[in-house]
């Protein structure tokens, strides 16, 4: 089959997006900045200053940082990065922590001043960690997305500088080439060898943490509750699998995940329901990989217009993406996938993001349910929400654009108010 126009870009987008991370990505990004600052300082600091944007505060406040002995929050993420972080491992910065280092983190938190300061300016994603010790100082700045280190200094002198663009799209492959129609054609024609490594890793990592979550004992046990109460149909298993992965991850499970759009929760939501359906249908690996390509790229396409962090719950985009992948897996192509997406977005767009924490698992289950509802509505009777009904517009790209506008512009004030509520203002 002939390759699509933007074939190479689509392959690169998947490679850029589907990367491993241990722990919720916002605290891990703080740990990365702290580890890089400490590495540059060359010794254990005696004081730390952490400047972060409001969305970082929101997404770090209530989530457990892995390999810390159950610690939560910005100070914990900073201490973990300083004491035990391996900056060269990027989003797996805390993957090689020892028991002795966990004890050292607690001592560091007890004896070291860590000042947390809201960052000035209007950047949604901003982290700057400054450390002091031995008469010297060092800092590391991360802007726009989780691994985008833009500035490293020592004693006020820049030792590394990269341009902080107005958005990550200028740093990476242009996401504006994505469209639902071409995503479907790309999935049809992609050489499996071009995407197999990243997709197989996504299947392996995310399946493992989901299985751990389903054992129970993590978070609010949303995934396990779904299976216990609602039965064993494939649609129930699909919701439970994604929720269980979040149960474990939000509560400090030390297994890595493969993220999508900078989020482990979105990575699990986009992949695990598709994997569950593929296994239930007994399809071969190639069919599952092609369906996961659809799910991942549809999720990324939606998030491009929304941005990495906002008041709009990213699980909505990923649940919609998962339903698109399931529709493709079941033989649907552009018409079915497009109506699945539009229906799903009509159902639960506007679900708020009030930070990373155990309730994310329940939101994931709701988002996957909305996606499946959108798919089954259309395939069991061509039922659809149509142009002029709320934010739905004729043409799936127009609806996706409207949701991006809603999340990016319309919910900006909502985001501010969520943060005020969370910090008690």
Protein backbone atom coordinates (compact mmCIF):
# COMPACT_ATOMS: atom_id res chain seq x y z
CA UNK A 1 0.00 0.00 0.00
CA UNK A 2 1.27 3.47 -0.88
CA UNK A 3 2.63 5.51 2.02
CA UNK A 4 0.71 8.52 3.27
CA UNK A 5 1.94 12.08 2.69
CA UNK A 6 3.25 12.58 6.23
CA UNK A 7 4.35 8.99 6.86
CA UNK A 8 7.79 9.87 8.25
CA UNK A 9 6.35 12.54 10.53
CA UNK A 10 3.77 10.16 11.96
CA UNK A 11 6.47 7.60 12.77
CA UNK A 12 8.57 10.28 14.48
CA UNK A 13 5.59 11.61 16.47
CA UNK A 14 5.00 8.13 17.88
CA UNK A 15 8.67 7.77 18.81
CA UNK A 16 8.69 11.19 20.48
CA UNK A 17 5.49 10.60 22.43
CA UNK A 18 5.61 6.94 23.46
CA UNK A 19 8.44 7.07 25.97
CA UNK A 20 8.85 5.33 29.35
CA UNK A 21 8.32 7.16 32.63
CA UNK A 22 8.31 6.00 36.23
CA UNK A 23 5.79 7.90 38.31
CA UNK A 24 3.42 10.75 37.53
CA UNK A 25 5.26 12.89 34.99
CA UNK A 26 4.95 16.29 36.71
CA UNK A 27 6.69 15.30 39.98
CA UNK A 28 9.14 13.30 37.90
CA UNK A 29 9.93 16.43 35.87
CA UNK A 30 10.64 18.27 39.14
CA UNK A 31 12.89 15.39 40.22
CA UNK A 32 14.66 15.59 36.86
CA UNK A 33 15.30 19.33 37.25
CA UNK A 34 16.51 18.79 40.82
CA UNK A 35 18.81 15.95 39.79
CA UNK A 36 20.30 18.03 36.98
CA UNK A 37 20.81 21.02 39.30
CA UNK A 38 22.49 18.86 41.95
CA UNK A 39 24.67 17.20 39.28
CA UNK A 40 25.77 20.66 38.11
CA UNK A 41 26.42 21.84 41.69
CA UNK A 42 28.58 18.78 42.34
CA UNK A 43 27.60 18.22 45.97
CA UNK A 44 24.58 17.79 48.24
CA UNK A 45 22.93 21.20 48.60
CA UNK A 46 22.00 22.89 51.85
CA UNK A 47 19.05 24.84 50.37
CA UNK A 48 16.69 24.47 47.41
CA UNK A 49 14.29 26.83 45.68
CA UNK A 50 11.60 25.44 43.40
CA UNK A 51 9.75 27.81 41.07
CA UNK A 52 6.76 26.17 39.40
CA UNK A 53 3.71 27.21 37.39
CA UNK A 54 0.22 26.69 38.76
CA UNK A 55 -0.48 23.56 36.73
CA UNK A 56 2.67 21.92 38.09
CA UNK A 57 1.53 22.72 41.64
CA UNK A 58 -1.87 21.23 40.82
CA UNK A 59 -0.49 18.01 39.38
CA UNK A 60 2.11 17.34 42.08
CA UNK A 61 0.24 18.25 45.27
CA UNK A 62 -1.56 14.95 45.93
CA UNK A 63 0.31 12.28 44.01
CA UNK A 64 2.75 9.78 45.52
CA UNK A 65 6.30 10.01 44.18
CA UNK A 66 7.66 6.51 43.43
CA UNK A 67 10.71 5.16 45.23
CA UNK A 68 10.36 7.62 48.12
CA UNK A 69 8.68 5.48 50.75
CA UNK A 70 5.26 6.99 50.05
CA UNK A 71 6.12 10.70 50.04
CA UNK A 72 3.93 13.22 48.23
CA UNK A 73 4.33 16.71 46.87
CA UNK A 74 6.82 19.15 45.38
CA UNK A 75 9.24 19.00 48.29
CA UNK A 76 9.33 15.20 48.11
CA UNK A 77 9.94 15.22 44.34
CA UNK A 78 12.74 17.75 44.82
CA UNK A 79 14.38 15.78 47.61
CA UNK A 80 14.16 12.57 45.61
CA UNK A 81 15.82 14.17 42.60
CA UNK A 82 18.57 15.78 44.67
CA UNK A 83 19.38 12.75 46.78
CA UNK A 84 18.89 9.86 44.36
CA UNK A 85 18.02 11.14 40.90
CA UNK A 86 19.94 10.06 37.80
CA UNK A 87 19.44 12.99 35.43
CA UNK A 88 20.66 11.07 32.38
CA UNK A 89 17.66 8.70 32.72
CA UNK A 90 15.23 11.59 32.03
CA UNK A 91 11.67 10.49 32.99
CA UNK A 92 13.07 7.36 34.63
CA UNK A 93 15.19 9.60 36.85
CA UNK A 94 14.00 7.78 40.01
CA UNK A 95 14.17 4.24 38.65
CA UNK A 96 17.43 3.25 40.40
CA UNK A 97 16.80 4.41 43.98
CA UNK A 98 18.19 2.30 46.85
CA UNK A 99 16.72 1.75 50.31
CA UNK A 100 19.55 3.80 51.78
CA UNK A 101 18.68 6.69 49.46
CA UNK A 102 15.01 6.57 50.51
CA UNK A 103 16.15 7.02 54.12
CA UNK A 104 18.46 9.83 53.01
CA UNK A 105 15.52 11.61 51.33
CA UNK A 106 13.62 11.71 54.61
CA UNK A 107 16.68 13.13 56.37
CA UNK A 108 17.19 15.70 53.60
CA UNK A 109 13.57 16.86 53.93
CA UNK A 110 13.96 17.13 57.70
CA UNK A 111 17.17 19.18 57.62
CA UNK A 112 17.11 21.15 54.37
CA UNK A 113 15.09 24.22 53.44
CA UNK A 114 13.08 23.67 50.25
CA UNK A 115 11.26 26.86 49.28
CA UNK A 116 8.39 26.45 46.81
CA UNK A 117 7.55 29.62 44.88
CA UNK A 118 4.79 30.17 42.29
CA UNK A 119 6.45 31.11 39.02
CA UNK A 120 5.77 34.48 37.47
CA UNK A 121 4.54 34.76 33.89
CA UNK A 122 1.88 32.91 31.96
CA UNK A 123 3.62 29.67 30.98
CA UNK A 124 1.42 26.70 31.74
CA UNK A 125 4.40 24.38 32.18
CA UNK A 126 7.38 25.85 34.03
CA UNK A 127 9.88 24.37 36.50
CA UNK A 128 13.09 25.90 37.79
CA UNK A 129 15.04 24.26 40.61
CA UNK A 130 17.92 26.17 42.19
CA UNK A 131 20.26 24.51 44.70
CA UNK A 132 22.96 26.00 46.93
CA UNK A 133 25.89 24.43 48.74
CA UNK A 134 29.61 24.85 49.37
CA UNK A 135 29.45 28.51 48.49
CA UNK A 136 28.10 27.75 45.02
CA UNK A 137 24.69 27.58 43.31
CA UNK A 138 23.24 25.78 40.32
CA UNK A 139 19.88 25.70 38.60
CA UNK A 140 17.94 23.77 35.98
CA UNK A 141 14.92 25.09 34.07
CA UNK A 142 12.34 22.92 32.27
CA UNK A 143 9.77 24.64 30.04
CA UNK A 144 6.71 23.57 28.02
CA UNK A 145 7.09 19.79 28.39
CA UNK A 146 8.57 17.30 30.78
CA UNK A 147 12.05 16.71 29.33
CA UNK A 148 12.61 20.11 27.71
CA UNK A 149 15.60 21.38 29.71
CA UNK A 150 16.10 24.92 28.45
CA UNK A 151 18.72 26.36 30.81
CA UNK A 152 21.32 25.04 33.26
CA UNK A 153 23.50 27.44 35.28
CA UNK A 154 26.33 27.29 37.81
CA UNK A 155 27.09 30.36 39.92
CA UNK A 156 24.94 32.43 37.61
CA UNK A 157 26.85 31.39 34.49
CA UNK A 158 24.95 29.53 31.77
CA UNK A 159 26.43 26.09 31.12
CA UNK A 160 23.61 24.93 28.85
CA UNK A 161 21.03 26.93 26.93
CA UNK A 162 18.26 25.88 24.58
CA UNK A 163 15.54 28.01 23.08
CA UNK A 164 12.26 27.95 24.97
CA UNK A 165 9.79 28.10 22.11
CA UNK A 166 6.21 29.27 22.52
CA UNK A 167 5.08 25.66 22.41
CA UNK A 168 6.55 22.19 22.20
CA UNK A 169 5.45 21.75 18.60
CA UNK A 170 8.36 24.00 17.61
CA UNK A 171 10.73 21.72 19.49
CA UNK A 172 9.46 18.46 18.05
CA UNK A 173 7.87 17.10 14.89
CA UNK A 174 5.01 19.31 13.69
CA UNK A 175 1.77 17.88 15.09
CA UNK A 176 -0.40 20.02 12.79
CA UNK A 177 0.01 17.35 10.08
CA UNK A 178 -2.26 15.05 12.08
CA UNK A 179 -5.81 14.44 10.90
CA UNK A 180 -8.25 11.62 11.57
CA UNK A 181 -8.44 10.69 7.90
CA UNK A 182 -4.67 10.42 7.46
CA UNK A 183 -4.26 8.65 10.82
CA UNK A 184 -6.54 5.87 9.50
CA UNK A 185 -4.66 5.65 6.21
CA UNK A 186 -1.32 5.65 8.05
CA UNK A 187 -2.45 2.79 10.29
CA UNK A 188 -3.47 0.84 7.19
CA UNK A 189 -0.13 1.27 5.43
CA UNK A 190 2.48 1.56 8.20
CA UNK A 191 5.33 -0.91 8.05
CA UNK A 192 5.05 -2.71 11.39
CA UNK A 193 8.82 -2.68 11.80
CA UNK A 194 8.74 1.13 11.86
CA UNK A 195 6.58 1.27 15.00
CA UNK A 196 6.90 -2.18 16.56
CA UNK A 197 9.51 -1.27 19.17
CA UNK A 198 7.59 1.61 20.74
CA UNK A 199 4.20 -0.10 20.53
CA UNK A 200 5.44 -3.40 21.96
CA UNK A 201 7.02 -1.54 24.85
CA UNK A 202 3.71 0.27 25.42
CA UNK A 203 1.85 -3.05 25.53
CA UNK A 204 4.36 -4.67 27.89
CA UNK A 205 4.81 -1.80 30.36
CA UNK A 206 1.21 -0.69 30.57
CA UNK A 207 -0.17 -4.23 30.80
CA UNK A 208 2.19 -4.97 33.69
CA UNK A 209 1.16 -1.98 35.82
CA UNK A 210 -2.52 -2.62 35.05
CA UNK A 211 -2.17 -6.21 36.28
CA UNK A 212 -0.53 -4.89 39.45
CA UNK A 213 -3.39 -2.43 39.99
CA UNK A 214 -6.00 -5.15 39.57
CA UNK A 215 -4.46 -7.10 42.45
CA UNK A 216 -5.76 -4.36 44.74
CA UNK A 217 -4.16 -2.37 47.49
CA UNK A 218 -3.50 0.70 45.34
CA UNK A 219 -5.34 4.00 45.64
CA UNK A 220 -9.11 3.75 45.74
CA UNK A 221 -9.06 0.40 43.89
CA UNK A 222 -11.28 1.72 41.10
CA UNK A 223 -10.22 -0.93 38.59
CA UNK A 224 -10.73 -3.79 41.00
CA UNK A 225 -14.11 -2.37 42.07
CA UNK A 226 -15.29 -2.19 38.45
CA UNK A 227 -14.43 -5.85 37.90
CA UNK A 228 -16.01 -6.90 41.21
CA UNK A 229 -19.28 -5.01 40.75
CA UNK A 230 -19.96 -4.87 37.03
CA UNK A 231 -18.89 -8.26 35.74
CA UNK A 232 -16.51 -9.63 33.16
CA UNK A 233 -17.59 -8.42 29.71
CA UNK A 234 -14.87 -7.04 27.46
CA UNK A 235 -16.15 -3.48 27.83
CA UNK A 236 -15.98 -3.78 31.61
CA UNK A 237 -12.50 -5.29 31.45
CA UNK A 238 -11.38 -2.48 29.15
CA UNK A 239 -12.46 0.20 31.62
CA UNK A 240 -11.09 -1.70 34.59
CA UNK A 241 -7.71 -2.31 32.96
CA UNK A 242 -7.10 1.37 32.32
CA UNK A 243 -8.41 2.44 35.73
CA UNK A 244 -6.30 -0.16 37.53
CA UNK A 245 -3.13 1.11 35.90
CA UNK A 246 -3.92 4.57 37.23
CA UNK A 247 -4.78 3.15 40.67
CA UNK A 248 -1.26 1.81 40.93
CA UNK A 249 0.57 4.69 39.30
CA UNK A 250 -1.07 7.52 41.23
CA UNK A 251 -0.27 5.75 44.50
CA UNK A 252 3.46 5.29 43.95
CA UNK A 253 3.80 1.98 42.12
CA UNK A 254 7.38 1.68 40.97
CA UNK A 255 6.60 0.03 37.63
CA UNK A 256 7.21 2.24 34.56
CA UNK A 257 4.56 3.15 32.02
CA UNK A 258 4.71 4.35 28.42
CA UNK A 259 3.23 7.83 28.25
CA UNK A 260 1.24 9.65 25.58
CA UNK A 261 1.07 13.45 25.36
CA UNK A 262 3.33 13.67 28.38
CA UNK A 263 0.97 11.70 30.61
CA UNK A 264 1.13 8.17 31.95
CA UNK A 265 -2.60 8.20 32.68
CA UNK A 266 -3.28 9.13 29.07
CA UNK A 267 -0.80 6.53 27.87
CA UNK A 268 -2.58 3.81 29.81
CA UNK A 269 -6.05 5.03 28.82
CA UNK A 270 -5.15 5.11 25.13
CA UNK A 271 -3.62 1.64 25.13
CA UNK A 272 -5.10 -0.74 27.71
CA UNK A 273 -8.73 -0.81 26.45
CA UNK A 274 -7.49 -1.52 22.91
CA UNK A 275 -5.21 -4.28 24.20
CA UNK A 276 -8.14 -5.81 26.13
CA UNK A 277 -10.37 -5.82 23.03
CA UNK A 278 -7.58 -7.23 20.86
CA UNK A 279 -7.03 -10.11 23.27
CA UNK A 280 -10.77 -10.76 23.53
CA UNK A 281 -11.09 -10.87 19.74
CA UNK A 282 -8.06 -13.12 19.36
CA UNK A 283 -6.47 -10.95 16.65
CA UNK A 284 -2.81 -11.19 15.78
CA UNK A 285 -0.16 -8.77 17.01
CA UNK A 286 -0.10 -6.80 13.76
CA UNK A 287 -3.81 -5.97 14.00
CA UNK A 288 -3.38 -4.86 17.62
CA UNK A 289 -0.40 -2.67 16.74
CA UNK A 290 -2.29 -0.94 13.93
CA UNK A 291 -5.24 -0.28 16.25
CA UNK A 292 -2.91 1.13 18.93
CA UNK A 293 -1.37 3.43 16.32
CA UNK A 294 -4.86 4.82 15.71
CA UNK A 295 -5.58 5.25 19.41
CA UNK A 296 -2.25 6.90 20.21
CA UNK A 297 -2.33 9.29 17.26
CA UNK A 298 -5.99 10.27 17.75
CA UNK A 299 -5.16 11.06 21.39
CA UNK A 300 -2.12 13.12 20.38
CA UNK A 301 -4.13 14.91 17.69
CA UNK A 302 -6.72 16.04 20.21
CA UNK A 303 -4.13 17.08 22.78
CA UNK A 304 -2.23 19.18 20.24
CA UNK A 305 -4.97 21.80 20.33
CA UNK A 306 -5.45 21.55 24.09
CA UNK A 307 -1.85 21.61 25.30
CA UNK A 308 0.02 19.39 27.74
CA UNK A 309 -1.63 20.82 30.88
CA UNK A 310 -5.00 22.52 31.28
CA UNK A 311 -8.25 22.37 33.22
CA UNK A 312 -9.51 19.81 30.69
CA UNK A 313 -9.01 16.23 31.87
CA UNK A 314 -6.70 14.51 29.40
CA UNK A 315 -8.39 11.18 30.06
CA UNK A 316 -11.27 12.43 27.89
CA UNK A 317 -8.96 12.70 24.89
CA UNK A 318 -7.35 9.34 25.59
CA UNK A 319 -10.66 7.54 26.23
CA UNK A 320 -11.87 8.92 22.91
CA UNK A 321 -8.62 7.76 21.29
CA UNK A 322 -9.05 4.27 22.74
CA UNK A 323 -12.57 4.04 21.31
CA UNK A 324 -11.22 5.11 17.92
CA UNK A 325 -8.63 2.34 18.14
CA UNK A 326 -11.29 -0.21 19.09
CA UNK A 327 -13.48 0.95 16.21
CA UNK A 328 -10.54 0.43 13.85
CA UNK A 329 -9.75 -2.96 15.37
CA UNK A 330 -13.33 -4.05 14.71
CA UNK A 331 -13.07 -3.12 11.03
CA UNK A 332 -14.32 0.46 11.13
CA UNK A 333 -12.52 3.02 9.04
CA UNK A 334 -12.89 6.77 8.60
CA UNK A 335 -16.67 7.11 8.84
CA UNK A 336 -17.03 4.89 11.90
CA UNK A 337 -13.96 6.30 13.64
CA UNK A 338 -14.96 9.90 12.96
CA UNK A 339 -18.45 9.40 14.37
CA UNK A 340 -17.06 7.52 17.36
CA UNK A 341 -14.81 10.50 18.15
CA UNK A 342 -17.57 13.10 17.72
CA UNK A 343 -20.03 11.11 19.82
CA UNK A 344 -17.50 10.55 22.58
CA UNK A 345 -16.52 14.21 22.72
CA UNK A 346 -20.17 15.23 22.93
CA UNK A 347 -20.64 13.08 26.01
CA UNK A 348 -17.97 14.15 28.47
CA UNK A 349 -15.90 17.05 27.14
CA UNK A 350 -15.31 19.49 29.97
CA UNK A 351 -14.47 16.99 32.70
CA UNK A 352 -12.07 19.00 34.85
CA UNK A 353 -8.47 18.22 35.71
CA UNK A 354 -7.95 18.94 39.40
CA UNK A 355 -4.50 17.44 39.57
CA UNK A 356 -2.97 13.98 39.64
CA UNK A 357 -4.32 11.77 42.44
CA UNK A 358 -6.24 8.50 42.98
CA UNK A 359 -9.55 9.80 41.57
CA UNK A 360 -7.90 10.00 38.13
CA UNK A 361 -8.63 6.27 37.86
CA UNK A 362 -12.37 6.88 38.11
CA UNK A 363 -12.21 9.66 35.53
CA UNK A 364 -10.37 7.30 33.21
CA UNK A 365 -13.14 4.72 33.58
CA UNK A 366 -15.75 7.38 32.77
CA UNK A 367 -13.79 8.54 29.72
CA UNK A 368 -13.39 5.03 28.34
CA UNK A 369 -17.11 4.43 28.95
CA UNK A 370 -17.96 7.60 26.98
CA UNK A 371 -15.71 6.47 24.14
CA UNK A 372 -17.31 3.04 23.98
CA UNK A 373 -20.78 4.60 24.18
CA UNK A 374 -19.87 6.79 21.21
CA UNK A 375 -18.74 3.78 19.22
CA UNK A 376 -21.69 1.53 20.00
CA UNK A 377 -24.19 4.33 19.40
CA UNK A 378 -23.03 4.62 15.83
CA UNK A 379 -22.46 0.95 15.06
CA UNK A 380 -25.77 -0.30 16.46
CA UNK A 381 -28.01 2.15 14.66
CA UNK A 382 -26.02 4.99 13.10
CA UNK A 383 -26.96 7.18 16.06
CA UNK A 384 -24.95 10.35 16.29
CA UNK A 385 -24.80 13.81 17.81
CA UNK A 386 -24.94 16.32 14.98
CA UNK A 387 -23.87 19.77 13.91
CA UNK A 388 -25.28 22.55 16.07
CA UNK A 389 -25.82 20.41 19.15
CA UNK A 390 -23.59 22.11 21.69
CA UNK A 391 -19.94 22.08 20.66
CA UNK A 392 -20.44 19.50 17.90
CA UNK A 393 -19.77 20.74 14.37
CA UNK A 394 -20.06 19.00 11.02
CA UNK A 395 -16.76 17.33 10.29
CA UNK A 396 -14.74 15.60 12.99
CA UNK A 397 -11.81 18.01 12.62
CA UNK A 398 -14.10 20.94 13.39
CA UNK A 399 -15.34 19.22 16.54
CA UNK A 400 -11.78 18.47 17.63
CA UNK A 401 -10.90 22.13 17.02
CA UNK A 402 -13.86 23.25 19.14
CA UNK A 403 -12.79 21.04 22.03
CA UNK A 404 -9.27 22.42 21.79
CA UNK A 405 -10.64 25.94 21.93
CA UNK A 406 -12.86 25.07 24.88
CA UNK A 407 -9.96 23.57 26.84
CA UNK A 408 -7.26 26.05 25.86
CA UNK A 409 -9.22 29.31 26.01
CA UNK A 410 -12.57 28.74 27.66
CA UNK A 411 -11.30 26.80 30.67
CA UNK A 412 -8.36 29.08 31.48
CA UNK A 413 -10.25 30.82 34.29
CA UNK A 414 -11.52 27.44 35.47
CA UNK A 415 -7.93 26.29 35.79
CA UNK A 416 -7.08 29.28 37.98
CA UNK A 417 -10.07 28.67 40.23
CA UNK A 418 -9.26 24.96 40.58
CA UNK A 419 -5.78 25.89 41.79
CA UNK A 420 -7.19 28.44 44.26
CA UNK A 421 -9.51 25.81 45.68
CA UNK A 422 -6.72 23.25 45.95
CA UNK A 423 -4.33 25.56 47.82
CA UNK A 424 -7.05 27.04 50.02
CA UNK A 425 -7.16 30.58 48.62
